[in-house]
């Protein structure tokens, strides 16, 4: 995301969290990863970004740990 210096002025879409959703019950791992991406973008002057939410997987029924993690995030 930072290697393409000619694209810094274009919008960046951050869609993170699916791969690490179960690593932290309180979503702190995912939140820290997103914060790191935002900080990296802002450090090069790109404030043109949007952060998308993740969705529940079919294997995460209501009440399951995965479901609860996604809802909390």
PDB file of N, CA and C in Angstrom:
ATOM      1  N   UNK A   1       0.820  -1.185   0.000  1.00  0.00           N
ATOM      2  CA  UNK A   1       0.000   0.000   0.000  1.00  0.00           C
ATOM      3  C   UNK A   1       0.864   1.248   0.000  1.00  0.00           C
ATOM      4  N   UNK A   2       2.017   1.188   0.626  1.00  0.00           N
ATOM      5  CA  UNK A   2       2.887   2.358   0.660  1.00  0.00           C
ATOM      6  C   UNK A   2       3.918   2.368  -0.465  1.00  0.00           C
ATOM      7  N   UNK A   3       4.103   1.238  -1.134  1.00  0.00           N
ATOM      8  CA  UNK A   3       5.123   1.151  -2.176  1.00  0.00           C
ATOM      9  C   UNK A   3       4.746   1.931  -3.436  1.00  0.00           C
ATOM     10  N   UNK A   4       3.461   2.084  -3.706  1.00  0.00           N
ATOM     11  CA  UNK A   4       3.011   2.760  -4.923  1.00  0.00           C
ATOM     12  C   UNK A   4       2.899   4.260  -4.662  1.00  0.00           C
ATOM     13  N   UNK A   5       4.038   4.931  -4.616  1.00  0.00           N
ATOM     14  CA  UNK A   5       4.061   6.359  -4.252  1.00  0.00           C
ATOM     15  C   UNK A   5       3.269   7.231  -5.222  1.00  0.00           C
ATOM     16  N   UNK A   6       3.126   6.801  -6.457  1.00  0.00           N
ATOM     17  CA  UNK A   6       2.373   7.581  -7.439  1.00  0.00           C
ATOM     18  C   UNK A   6       0.863   7.512  -7.213  1.00  0.00           C
ATOM     19  N   UNK A   7       0.435   6.696  -6.267  1.00  0.00           N
ATOM     20  CA  UNK A   7      -0.997   6.524  -6.016  1.00  0.00           C
ATOM     21  C   UNK A   7      -1.435   7.089  -4.659  1.00  0.00           C
ATOM     22  N   UNK A   8      -0.560   7.820  -3.994  1.00  0.00           N
ATOM     23  CA  UNK A   8      -0.889   8.350  -2.667  1.00  0.00           C
ATOM     24  C   UNK A   8      -2.115   9.250  -2.663  1.00  0.00           C
ATOM     25  N   UNK A   9      -2.392   9.917  -3.768  1.00  0.00           N
ATOM     26  CA  UNK A   9      -3.533  10.828  -3.794  1.00  0.00           C
ATOM     27  C   UNK A   9      -4.854  10.121  -4.114  1.00  0.00           C
ATOM     28  N   UNK A  10      -4.811   8.832  -4.412  1.00  0.00           N
ATOM     29  CA  UNK A  10      -6.024   8.068  -4.693  1.00  0.00           C
ATOM     30  C   UNK A  10      -6.633   7.532  -3.398  1.00  0.00           C
ATOM     31  N   UNK A  11      -7.939   7.294  -3.384  1.00  0.00           N
ATOM     32  CA  UNK A  11      -8.567   6.722  -2.182  1.00  0.00           C
ATOM     33  C   UNK A  11      -8.009   5.330  -1.873  1.00  0.00           C
ATOM     34  N   UNK A  12      -7.853   5.058  -0.592  1.00  0.00           N
ATOM     35  CA  UNK A  12      -7.397   3.750  -0.138  1.00  0.00           C
ATOM     36  C   UNK A  12      -8.526   3.090   0.637  1.00  0.00           C
ATOM     37  N   UNK A  13      -8.798   1.848   0.333  1.00  0.00           N
ATOM     38  CA  UNK A  13      -9.832   1.096   1.040  1.00  0.00           C
ATOM     39  C   UNK A  13      -9.139   0.119   1.986  1.00  0.00           C
ATOM     40  N   UNK A  14      -9.457   0.226   3.266  1.00  0.00           N
ATOM     41  CA  UNK A  14      -8.919  -0.688   4.275  1.00  0.00           C
ATOM     42  C   UNK A  14     -10.047  -1.628   4.676  1.00  0.00           C
ATOM     43  N   UNK A  15      -9.866  -2.888   4.358  1.00  0.00           N
ATOM     44  CA  UNK A  15     -10.861  -3.903   4.713  1.00  0.00           C
ATOM     45  C   UNK A  15     -10.116  -5.000   5.440  1.00  0.00           C
ATOM     46  N   UNK A  16      -9.917  -4.804   6.721  1.00  0.00           N
ATOM     47  CA  UNK A  16      -9.070  -5.682   7.522  1.00  0.00           C
ATOM     48  C   UNK A  16      -9.859  -6.296   8.669  1.00  0.00           C
ATOM     49  N   UNK A  17      -9.330  -7.400   9.175  1.00  0.00           N
ATOM     50  CA  UNK A  17      -9.920  -7.997  10.364  1.00  0.00           C
ATOM     51  C   UNK A  17     -10.344  -9.434  10.232  1.00  0.00           C
ATOM     52  N   UNK A  18     -10.643  -9.872   9.050  1.00  0.00           N
ATOM     53  CA  UNK A  18     -11.143 -11.234   8.884  1.00  0.00           C
ATOM     54  C   UNK A  18     -10.095 -12.268   9.291  1.00  0.00           C
ATOM     55  N   UNK A  19      -8.842 -12.070   8.940  1.00  0.00           N
ATOM     56  CA  UNK A  19      -7.811 -13.066   9.214  1.00  0.00           C
ATOM     57  C   UNK A  19      -7.413 -13.146  10.681  1.00  0.00           C
ATOM     58  N   UNK A  20      -7.618 -12.090  11.433  1.00  0.00           N
ATOM     59  CA  UNK A  20      -7.179 -12.100  12.832  1.00  0.00           C
ATOM     60  C   UNK A  20      -8.328 -11.924  13.826  1.00  0.00           C
ATOM     61  N   UNK A  21      -9.541 -12.147  13.402  1.00  0.00           N
ATOM     62  CA  UNK A  21     -10.701 -11.877  14.250  1.00  0.00           C
ATOM     63  C   UNK A  21     -10.717 -12.709  15.536  1.00  0.00           C
ATOM     64  N   UNK A  22     -10.195 -13.910  15.508  1.00  0.00           N
ATOM     65  CA  UNK A  22     -10.225 -14.751  16.704  1.00  0.00           C
ATOM     66  C   UNK A  22      -8.950 -14.655  17.548  1.00  0.00           C
ATOM     67  N   UNK A  23      -7.991 -13.840  17.139  1.00  0.00           N
ATOM     68  CA  UNK A  23      -6.748 -13.712  17.902  1.00  0.00           C
ATOM     69  C   UNK A  23      -6.930 -12.888  19.170  1.00  0.00           C
ATOM     70  N   UNK A  24      -7.961 -12.089  19.212  1.00  0.00           N
ATOM     71  CA  UNK A  24      -8.149 -11.224  20.370  1.00  0.00           C
ATOM     72  C   UNK A  24      -9.633 -11.112  20.673  1.00  0.00           C
ATOM     73  N   UNK A  25     -10.031 -11.552  21.852  1.00  0.00           N
ATOM     74  CA  UNK A  25     -11.438 -11.500  22.239  1.00  0.00           C
ATOM     75  C   UNK A  25     -11.966 -10.075  22.233  1.00  0.00           C
ATOM     76  N   UNK A  26     -11.127  -9.099  22.605  1.00  0.00           N
ATOM     77  CA  UNK A  26     -11.591  -7.717  22.687  1.00  0.00           C
ATOM     78  C   UNK A  26     -11.287  -6.895  21.438  1.00  0.00           C
ATOM     79  N   UNK A  27     -10.944  -7.528  20.361  1.00  0.00           N
ATOM     80  CA  UNK A  27     -10.691  -6.881  19.064  1.00  0.00           C
ATOM     81  C   UNK A  27      -9.441  -6.016  19.052  1.00  0.00           C
ATOM     82  N   UNK A  28      -8.604  -6.080  20.076  1.00  0.00           N
ATOM     83  CA  UNK A  28      -7.449  -5.180  20.140  1.00  0.00           C
ATOM     84  C   UNK A  28      -6.431  -5.449  19.037  1.00  0.00           C
ATOM     85  N   UNK A  29      -6.265  -6.700  18.612  1.00  0.00           N
ATOM     86  CA  UNK A  29      -5.317  -7.013  17.539  1.00  0.00           C
ATOM     87  C   UNK A  29      -5.774  -6.358  16.242  1.00  0.00           C
ATOM     88  N   UNK A  30      -7.032  -6.525  15.898  1.00  0.00           N
ATOM     89  CA  UNK A  30      -7.568  -5.951  14.669  1.00  0.00           C
ATOM     90  C   UNK A  30      -7.522  -4.433  14.719  1.00  0.00           C
ATOM     91  N   UNK A  31      -7.921  -3.855  15.831  1.00  0.00           N
ATOM     92  CA  UNK A  31      -7.909  -2.397  15.962  1.00  0.00           C
ATOM     93  C   UNK A  31      -6.493  -1.849  15.844  1.00  0.00           C
ATOM     94  N   UNK A  32      -5.523  -2.533  16.426  1.00  0.00           N
ATOM     95  CA  UNK A  32      -4.129  -2.094  16.331  1.00  0.00           C
ATOM     96  C   UNK A  32      -3.615  -2.203  14.896  1.00  0.00           C
ATOM     97  N   UNK A  33      -3.998  -3.259  14.187  1.00  0.00           N
ATOM     98  CA  UNK A  33      -3.584  -3.416  12.792  1.00  0.00           C
ATOM     99  C   UNK A  33      -4.157  -2.296  11.923  1.00  0.00           C
ATOM    100  N   UNK A  34      -5.419  -1.988  12.114  1.00  0.00           N
ATOM    101  CA  UNK A  34      -6.051  -0.907  11.343  1.00  0.00           C
ATOM    102  C   UNK A  34      -5.413   0.431  11.691  1.00  0.00           C
ATOM    103  N   UNK A  35      -5.173   0.677  12.975  1.00  0.00           N
ATOM    104  CA  UNK A  35      -4.530   1.926  13.397  1.00  0.00           C
ATOM    105  C   UNK A  35      -3.149   2.067  12.775  1.00  0.00           C
ATOM    106  N   UNK A  36      -2.426   0.967  12.667  1.00  0.00           N
ATOM    107  CA  UNK A  36      -1.100   0.984  12.056  1.00  0.00           C
ATOM    108  C   UNK A  36      -1.190   1.348  10.573  1.00  0.00           C
ATOM    109  N   UNK A  37      -2.178   0.799   9.868  1.00  0.00           N
ATOM    110  CA  UNK A  37      -2.363   1.119   8.454  1.00  0.00           C
ATOM    111  C   UNK A  37      -2.708   2.587   8.264  1.00  0.00           C
ATOM    112  N   UNK A  38      -3.598   3.091   9.096  1.00  0.00           N
ATOM    113  CA  UNK A  38      -3.999   4.496   9.017  1.00  0.00           C
ATOM    114  C   UNK A  38      -2.799   5.397   9.301  1.00  0.00           C
ATOM    115  N   UNK A  39      -2.026   5.071  10.326  1.00  0.00           N
ATOM    116  CA  UNK A  39      -0.846   5.878  10.656  1.00  0.00           C
ATOM    117  C   UNK A  39       0.150   5.885   9.503  1.00  0.00           C
ATOM    118  N   UNK A  40       0.336   4.735   8.861  1.00  0.00           N
ATOM    119  CA  UNK A  40       1.261   4.652   7.731  1.00  0.00           C
ATOM    120  C   UNK A  40       0.785   5.519   6.572  1.00  0.00           C
ATOM    121  N   UNK A  41      -0.500   5.477   6.286  1.00  0.00           N
ATOM    122  CA  UNK A  41      -1.047   6.314   5.216  1.00  0.00           C
ATOM    123  C   UNK A  41      -0.878   7.788   5.532  1.00  0.00           C
ATOM    124  N   UNK A  42      -1.230   8.162   6.743  1.00  0.00           N
ATOM    125  CA  UNK A  42      -1.144   9.565   7.125  1.00  0.00           C
ATOM    126  C   UNK A  42       0.298  10.061   7.168  1.00  0.00           C
ATOM    127  N   UNK A  43       1.243   9.157   7.434  1.00  0.00           N
ATOM    128  CA  UNK A  43       2.654   9.563   7.486  1.00  0.00           C
ATOM    129  C   UNK A  43       3.179   9.990   6.119  1.00  0.00           C
ATOM    130  N   UNK A  44       2.527   9.535   5.052  1.00  0.00           N
ATOM    131  CA  UNK A  44       2.930   9.929   3.701  1.00  0.00           C
ATOM    132  C   UNK A  44       1.962  10.951   3.105  1.00  0.00           C
ATOM    133  N   UNK A  45       1.094  11.483   3.952  1.00  0.00           N
ATOM    134  CA  UNK A  45       0.182  12.534   3.509  1.00  0.00           C
ATOM    135  C   UNK A  45      -1.110  12.067   2.881  1.00  0.00           C
ATOM    136  N   UNK A  46      -1.415  10.791   2.957  1.00  0.00           N
ATOM    137  CA  UNK A  46      -2.664  10.279   2.392  1.00  0.00           C
ATOM    138  C   UNK A  46      -3.712  10.197   3.490  1.00  0.00           C
ATOM    139  N   UNK A  47      -4.670  11.110   3.433  1.00  0.00           N
ATOM    140  CA  UNK A  47      -5.790  11.068   4.369  1.00  0.00           C
ATOM    141  C   UNK A  47      -7.084  10.750   3.630  1.00  0.00           C
ATOM    142  N   UNK A  48      -6.942  10.179   2.450  1.00  0.00           N
ATOM    143  CA  UNK A  48      -8.065   9.835   1.597  1.00  0.00           C
ATOM    144  C   UNK A  48      -8.289   8.322   1.673  1.00  0.00           C
ATOM    145  N   UNK A  49      -8.915   7.881   2.768  1.00  0.00           N
ATOM    146  CA  UNK A  49      -9.124   6.448   2.967  1.00  0.00           C
ATOM    147  C   UNK A  49     -10.484   6.201   3.615  1.00  0.00           C
ATOM    148  N   UNK A  50     -10.941   4.976   3.494  1.00  0.00           N
ATOM    149  CA  UNK A  50     -12.170   4.537   4.141  1.00  0.00           C
ATOM    150  C   UNK A  50     -11.890   3.170   4.761  1.00  0.00           C
ATOM    151  N   UNK A  51     -12.470   2.932   5.932  1.00  0.00           N
ATOM    152  CA  UNK A  51     -12.306   1.662   6.630  1.00  0.00           C
ATOM    153  C   UNK A  51     -13.631   0.916   6.565  1.00  0.00           C
ATOM    154  N   UNK A  52     -13.614  -0.264   5.977  1.00  0.00           N
ATOM    155  CA  UNK A  52     -14.822  -1.074   5.846  1.00  0.00           C
ATOM    156  C   UNK A  52     -14.931  -2.059   7.005  1.00  0.00           C
ATOM    157  N   UNK A  53     -16.139  -2.407   7.320  1.00  0.00           N
ATOM    158  CA  UNK A  53     -16.406  -3.405   8.349  1.00  0.00           C
ATOM    159  C   UNK A  53     -16.312  -4.803   7.750  1.00  0.00           C
ATOM    160  N   UNK A  54     -16.023  -5.768   8.591  1.00  0.00           N
ATOM    161  CA  UNK A  54     -16.060  -7.159   8.134  1.00  0.00           C
ATOM    162  C   UNK A  54     -17.451  -7.725   8.405  1.00  0.00           C
ATOM    163  N   UNK A  55     -17.742  -8.836   7.764  1.00  0.00           N
ATOM    164  CA  UNK A  55     -19.031  -9.490   7.961  1.00  0.00           C
ATOM    165  C   UNK A  55     -18.818 -10.868   8.570  1.00  0.00           C
ATOM    166  N   UNK A  56     -19.867 -11.391   9.145  1.00  0.00           N
ATOM    167  CA  UNK A  56     -19.788 -12.729   9.737  1.00  0.00           C
ATOM    168  C   UNK A  56     -19.682 -13.790   8.655  1.00  0.00           C
ATOM    169  N   UNK A  57     -18.975 -14.853   8.978  1.00  0.00           N
ATOM    170  CA  UNK A  57     -18.812 -16.005   8.106  1.00  0.00           C
ATOM    171  C   UNK A  57     -19.987 -16.958   8.344  1.00  0.00           C
ATOM    172  N   UNK A  58     -20.232 -17.853   7.412  1.00  0.00           N
ATOM    173  CA  UNK A  58     -21.304 -18.842   7.575  1.00  0.00           C
ATOM    174  C   UNK A  58     -21.068 -19.754   8.777  1.00  0.00           C
ATOM    175  N   UNK A  59     -19.792 -19.936   9.158  1.00  0.00           N
ATOM    176  CA  UNK A  59     -19.449 -20.787  10.298  1.00  0.00           C
ATOM    177  C   UNK A  59     -19.473 -20.036  11.627  1.00  0.00           C
ATOM    178  N   UNK A  60     -20.067 -18.853  11.649  1.00  0.00           N
ATOM    179  CA  UNK A  60     -20.128 -18.041  12.859  1.00  0.00           C
ATOM    180  C   UNK A  60     -21.581 -17.701  13.199  1.00  0.00           C
ATOM    181  N   UNK A  61     -22.320 -18.683  13.679  1.00  0.00           N
ATOM    182  CA  UNK A  61     -23.722 -18.426  14.002  1.00  0.00           C
ATOM    183  C   UNK A  61     -23.838 -17.491  15.209  1.00  0.00           C
ATOM    184  N   UNK A  62     -24.992 -16.920  15.353  1.00  0.00           N
ATOM    185  CA  UNK A  62     -25.254 -16.023  16.471  1.00  0.00           C
ATOM    186  C   UNK A  62     -24.864 -16.673  17.793  1.00  0.00           C
ATOM    187  N   UNK A  63     -24.076 -15.929  18.592  1.00  0.00           N
ATOM    188  CA  UNK A  63     -23.653 -16.427  19.887  1.00  0.00           C
ATOM    189  C   UNK A  63     -22.305 -17.120  19.887  1.00  0.00           C
ATOM    190  N   UNK A  64     -21.762 -17.443  18.719  1.00  0.00           N
ATOM    191  CA  UNK A  64     -20.457 -18.110  18.664  1.00  0.00           C
ATOM    192  C   UNK A  64     -19.349 -17.087  18.945  1.00  0.00           C
ATOM    193  N   UNK A  65     -18.158 -17.562  19.339  1.00  0.00           N
ATOM    194  CA  UNK A  65     -17.054 -16.629  19.596  1.00  0.00           C
ATOM    195  C   UNK A  65     -16.722 -15.745  18.390  1.00  0.00           C
ATOM    196  N   UNK A  66     -16.708 -16.327  17.200  1.00  0.00           N
ATOM    197  CA  UNK A  66     -16.432 -15.549  15.997  1.00  0.00           C
ATOM    198  C   UNK A  66     -17.483 -14.488  15.756  1.00  0.00           C
ATOM    199  N   UNK A  67     -18.739 -14.851  15.896  1.00  0.00           N
ATOM    200  CA  UNK A  67     -19.840 -13.899  15.727  1.00  0.00           C
ATOM    201  C   UNK A  67     -19.694 -12.745  16.713  1.00  0.00           C
ATOM    202  N   UNK A  68     -19.461 -13.081  17.970  1.00  0.00           N
ATOM    203  CA  UNK A  68     -19.352 -12.051  18.998  1.00  0.00           C
ATOM    204  C   UNK A  68     -18.162 -11.123  18.736  1.00  0.00           C
ATOM    205  N   UNK A  69     -17.047 -11.680  18.236  1.00  0.00           N
ATOM    206  CA  UNK A  69     -15.890 -10.855  17.927  1.00  0.00           C
ATOM    207  C   UNK A  69     -16.179  -9.873  16.803  1.00  0.00           C
ATOM    208  N   UNK A  70     -16.855 -10.354  15.756  1.00  0.00           N
ATOM    209  CA  UNK A  70     -17.192  -9.485  14.636  1.00  0.00           C
ATOM    210  C   UNK A  70     -18.143  -8.376  15.080  1.00  0.00           C
ATOM    211  N   UNK A  71     -19.145  -8.739  15.852  1.00  0.00           N
ATOM    212  CA  UNK A  71     -20.106  -7.730  16.329  1.00  0.00           C
ATOM    213  C   UNK A  71     -19.415  -6.693  17.218  1.00  0.00           C
ATOM    214  N   UNK A  72     -18.493  -7.137  18.063  1.00  0.00           N
ATOM    215  CA  UNK A  72     -17.774  -6.209  18.950  1.00  0.00           C
ATOM    216  C   UNK A  72     -16.886  -5.261  18.155  1.00  0.00           C
ATOM    217  N   UNK A  73     -16.271  -5.782  17.080  1.00  0.00           N
ATOM    218  CA  UNK A  73     -15.397  -4.950  16.270  1.00  0.00           C
ATOM    219  C   UNK A  73     -16.199  -3.925  15.503  1.00  0.00           C
TER     220      UNK A  73
END
